[in-house]
């Protein structure tokens, strides 16, 4: 792969990440009617965690494609966290009685993801993902009491 292809691929990832971030902000805004709800913080945190995770995993994939195998564990951890945060966000929006059970598992995934992303926080996407995991951990703990 030449430099031009690498640059074009990286630019595409950045544009996709920007689109994902805008979508997350729209989702958070859509949930703003629940402002007084105990689920409002959880909704915002899970939405942000998904958006930042998507940007992180896209970055990991670019680095993996370029031969940086050190990003494999990060990509896997982020992928699991995204799946759980999406499910938790959906249940929180419904104010489901299953939120605490899933929040416990999501908390564990976010802790693991934060730890893995911190190893690569020289990359802005990994650092942002780790920070969003910290916020999600806080909101999961609040739900769990």
Protein backbone atom coordinates (compact mmCIF):
# COMPACT_ATOMS: atom_id res chain seq x y z
CA UNK A 1 0.00 0.00 0.00
CA UNK A 2 1.36 3.43 -0.86
CA UNK A 3 1.16 6.60 1.18
CA UNK A 4 -1.72 8.02 -0.85
CA UNK A 5 -3.91 4.94 -0.25
CA UNK A 6 -3.07 5.03 3.44
CA UNK A 7 -3.98 8.72 3.64
CA UNK A 8 -7.26 8.19 1.79
CA UNK A 9 -8.14 5.27 4.10
CA UNK A 10 -7.36 7.32 7.19
CA UNK A 11 -9.40 10.25 5.87
CA UNK A 12 -12.35 7.93 5.32
CA UNK A 13 -12.12 6.64 8.88
CA UNK A 14 -12.03 10.20 10.23
CA UNK A 15 -15.08 11.19 8.19
CA UNK A 16 -16.95 8.08 9.36
CA UNK A 17 -16.01 8.81 12.97
CA UNK A 18 -17.27 12.38 12.61
CA UNK A 19 -20.57 11.07 11.28
CA UNK A 20 -20.85 8.59 14.14
CA UNK A 21 -20.15 11.32 16.67
CA UNK A 22 -22.86 13.53 15.16
CA UNK A 23 -25.30 10.61 15.31
CA UNK A 24 -24.45 10.01 18.98
CA UNK A 25 -25.15 13.65 19.76
CA UNK A 26 -28.53 13.34 18.04
CA UNK A 27 -29.34 10.21 20.06
CA UNK A 28 -28.36 11.94 23.30
CA UNK A 29 -30.54 14.90 22.32
CA UNK A 30 -33.45 12.55 21.52
CA UNK A 31 -33.18 11.20 25.07
CA UNK A 32 -33.13 14.69 26.59
CA UNK A 33 -36.86 14.42 27.31
CA UNK A 34 -35.81 11.96 30.03
CA UNK A 35 -33.69 14.68 31.67
CA UNK A 36 -35.22 14.16 35.10
CA UNK A 37 -35.10 10.38 34.76
CA UNK A 38 -32.51 8.36 36.64
CA UNK A 39 -31.74 6.79 33.26
CA UNK A 40 -30.77 10.10 31.60
CA UNK A 41 -27.11 9.91 32.62
CA UNK A 42 -26.90 6.27 31.62
CA UNK A 43 -28.41 7.01 28.22
CA UNK A 44 -25.94 9.80 27.54
CA UNK A 45 -22.96 7.75 28.75
CA UNK A 46 -23.82 4.62 26.77
CA UNK A 47 -24.50 6.65 23.63
CA UNK A 48 -21.16 8.43 23.96
CA UNK A 49 -19.37 5.17 24.70
CA UNK A 50 -20.78 3.61 21.52
CA UNK A 51 -19.77 6.63 19.41
CA UNK A 52 -16.26 6.86 20.83
CA UNK A 53 -15.92 3.07 20.63
CA UNK A 54 -16.88 3.07 16.95
CA UNK A 55 -14.19 5.67 16.22
CA UNK A 56 -11.66 3.66 18.26
CA UNK A 57 -12.39 0.36 16.55
CA UNK A 58 -12.21 2.00 13.12
CA UNK A 59 -8.78 3.36 14.07
CA UNK A 60 -7.71 -0.06 15.37
CA UNK A 61 -8.72 -1.67 12.10
CA UNK A 62 -6.62 0.78 10.09
CA UNK A 63 -3.61 0.06 12.31
CA UNK A 64 -4.22 -3.69 12.13
CA UNK A 65 -4.42 -3.47 8.35
CA UNK A 66 -1.05 -1.72 8.40
CA UNK A 67 0.43 -4.58 10.46
CA UNK A 68 0.16 -3.26 14.03
CA UNK A 69 -0.99 -6.46 15.75
CA UNK A 70 -0.83 -4.77 19.16
CA UNK A 71 -4.26 -3.28 18.40
CA UNK A 72 -6.04 -6.65 18.18
CA UNK A 73 -6.86 -6.87 21.89
CA UNK A 74 -8.03 -3.25 21.90
CA UNK A 75 -10.32 -3.87 18.92
CA UNK A 76 -11.83 -6.95 20.55
CA UNK A 77 -12.38 -5.23 23.88
CA UNK A 78 -13.98 -2.21 22.22
CA UNK A 79 -16.20 -4.42 20.06
CA UNK A 80 -17.58 -6.19 23.13
CA UNK A 81 -18.11 -2.90 24.94
CA UNK A 82 -19.98 -1.40 21.99
CA UNK A 83 -22.35 -4.37 21.86
CA UNK A 84 -23.13 -4.17 25.56
CA UNK A 85 -23.49 -0.38 25.60
CA UNK A 86 -25.91 -0.53 22.68
CA UNK A 87 -28.03 -3.11 24.49
CA UNK A 88 -27.90 -1.18 27.76
CA UNK A 89 -28.84 2.06 26.01
CA UNK A 90 -31.86 0.35 24.48
CA UNK A 91 -32.99 -1.10 27.81
CA UNK A 92 -32.41 2.19 29.62
CA UNK A 93 -34.52 4.03 27.03
CA UNK A 94 -37.33 1.58 27.81
CA UNK A 95 -36.70 1.95 31.55
CA UNK A 96 -36.53 -1.83 31.65
CA UNK A 97 -36.26 -3.76 34.91
CA UNK A 98 -33.31 -5.59 33.29
CA UNK A 99 -31.11 -2.46 33.33
CA UNK A 100 -29.33 -3.27 36.63
CA UNK A 101 -28.40 -6.80 35.50
CA UNK A 102 -27.01 -5.58 32.19
CA UNK A 103 -25.37 -2.55 33.83
CA UNK A 104 -23.30 -4.94 35.97
CA UNK A 105 -21.93 -6.75 32.90
CA UNK A 106 -21.48 -3.52 30.96
CA UNK A 107 -19.53 -2.08 33.89
CA UNK A 108 -17.11 -5.02 33.68
CA UNK A 109 -16.74 -4.62 29.91
CA UNK A 110 -16.10 -0.88 30.25
CA UNK A 111 -13.47 -1.48 32.93
CA UNK A 112 -11.69 -3.96 30.68
CA UNK A 113 -12.01 -1.68 27.66
CA UNK A 114 -10.68 1.32 29.53
CA UNK A 115 -7.67 -0.69 30.71
CA UNK A 116 -6.92 -1.89 27.17
CA UNK A 117 -7.42 1.53 25.57
CA UNK A 118 -5.13 3.17 28.13
CA UNK A 119 -2.29 1.05 26.70
CA UNK A 120 -2.77 2.93 23.43
CA UNK A 121 -3.85 6.36 24.65
CA UNK A 122 -1.17 7.99 22.51
CA UNK A 123 -3.89 7.55 19.86
CA UNK A 124 -6.63 10.15 20.32
CA UNK A 125 -9.36 7.61 19.50
CA UNK A 126 -8.18 5.17 22.18
CA UNK A 127 -7.87 7.93 24.75
CA UNK A 128 -11.38 9.22 23.98
CA UNK A 129 -12.76 5.69 24.18
CA UNK A 130 -11.10 5.12 27.56
CA UNK A 131 -12.53 8.37 28.88
CA UNK A 132 -16.02 7.52 27.65
CA UNK A 133 -15.69 4.15 29.41
CA UNK A 134 -14.90 5.96 32.67
CA UNK A 135 -18.12 7.98 32.33
CA UNK A 136 -20.10 4.85 31.51
CA UNK A 137 -18.60 3.03 34.53
CA UNK A 138 -19.73 5.91 36.75
CA UNK A 139 -23.29 5.78 35.40
CA UNK A 140 -23.46 1.97 35.68
CA UNK A 141 -22.37 2.23 39.32
CA UNK A 142 -25.07 4.87 39.91
CA UNK A 143 -27.72 2.50 38.54
CA UNK A 144 -26.40 -0.32 40.69
CA UNK A 145 -26.47 1.87 43.79
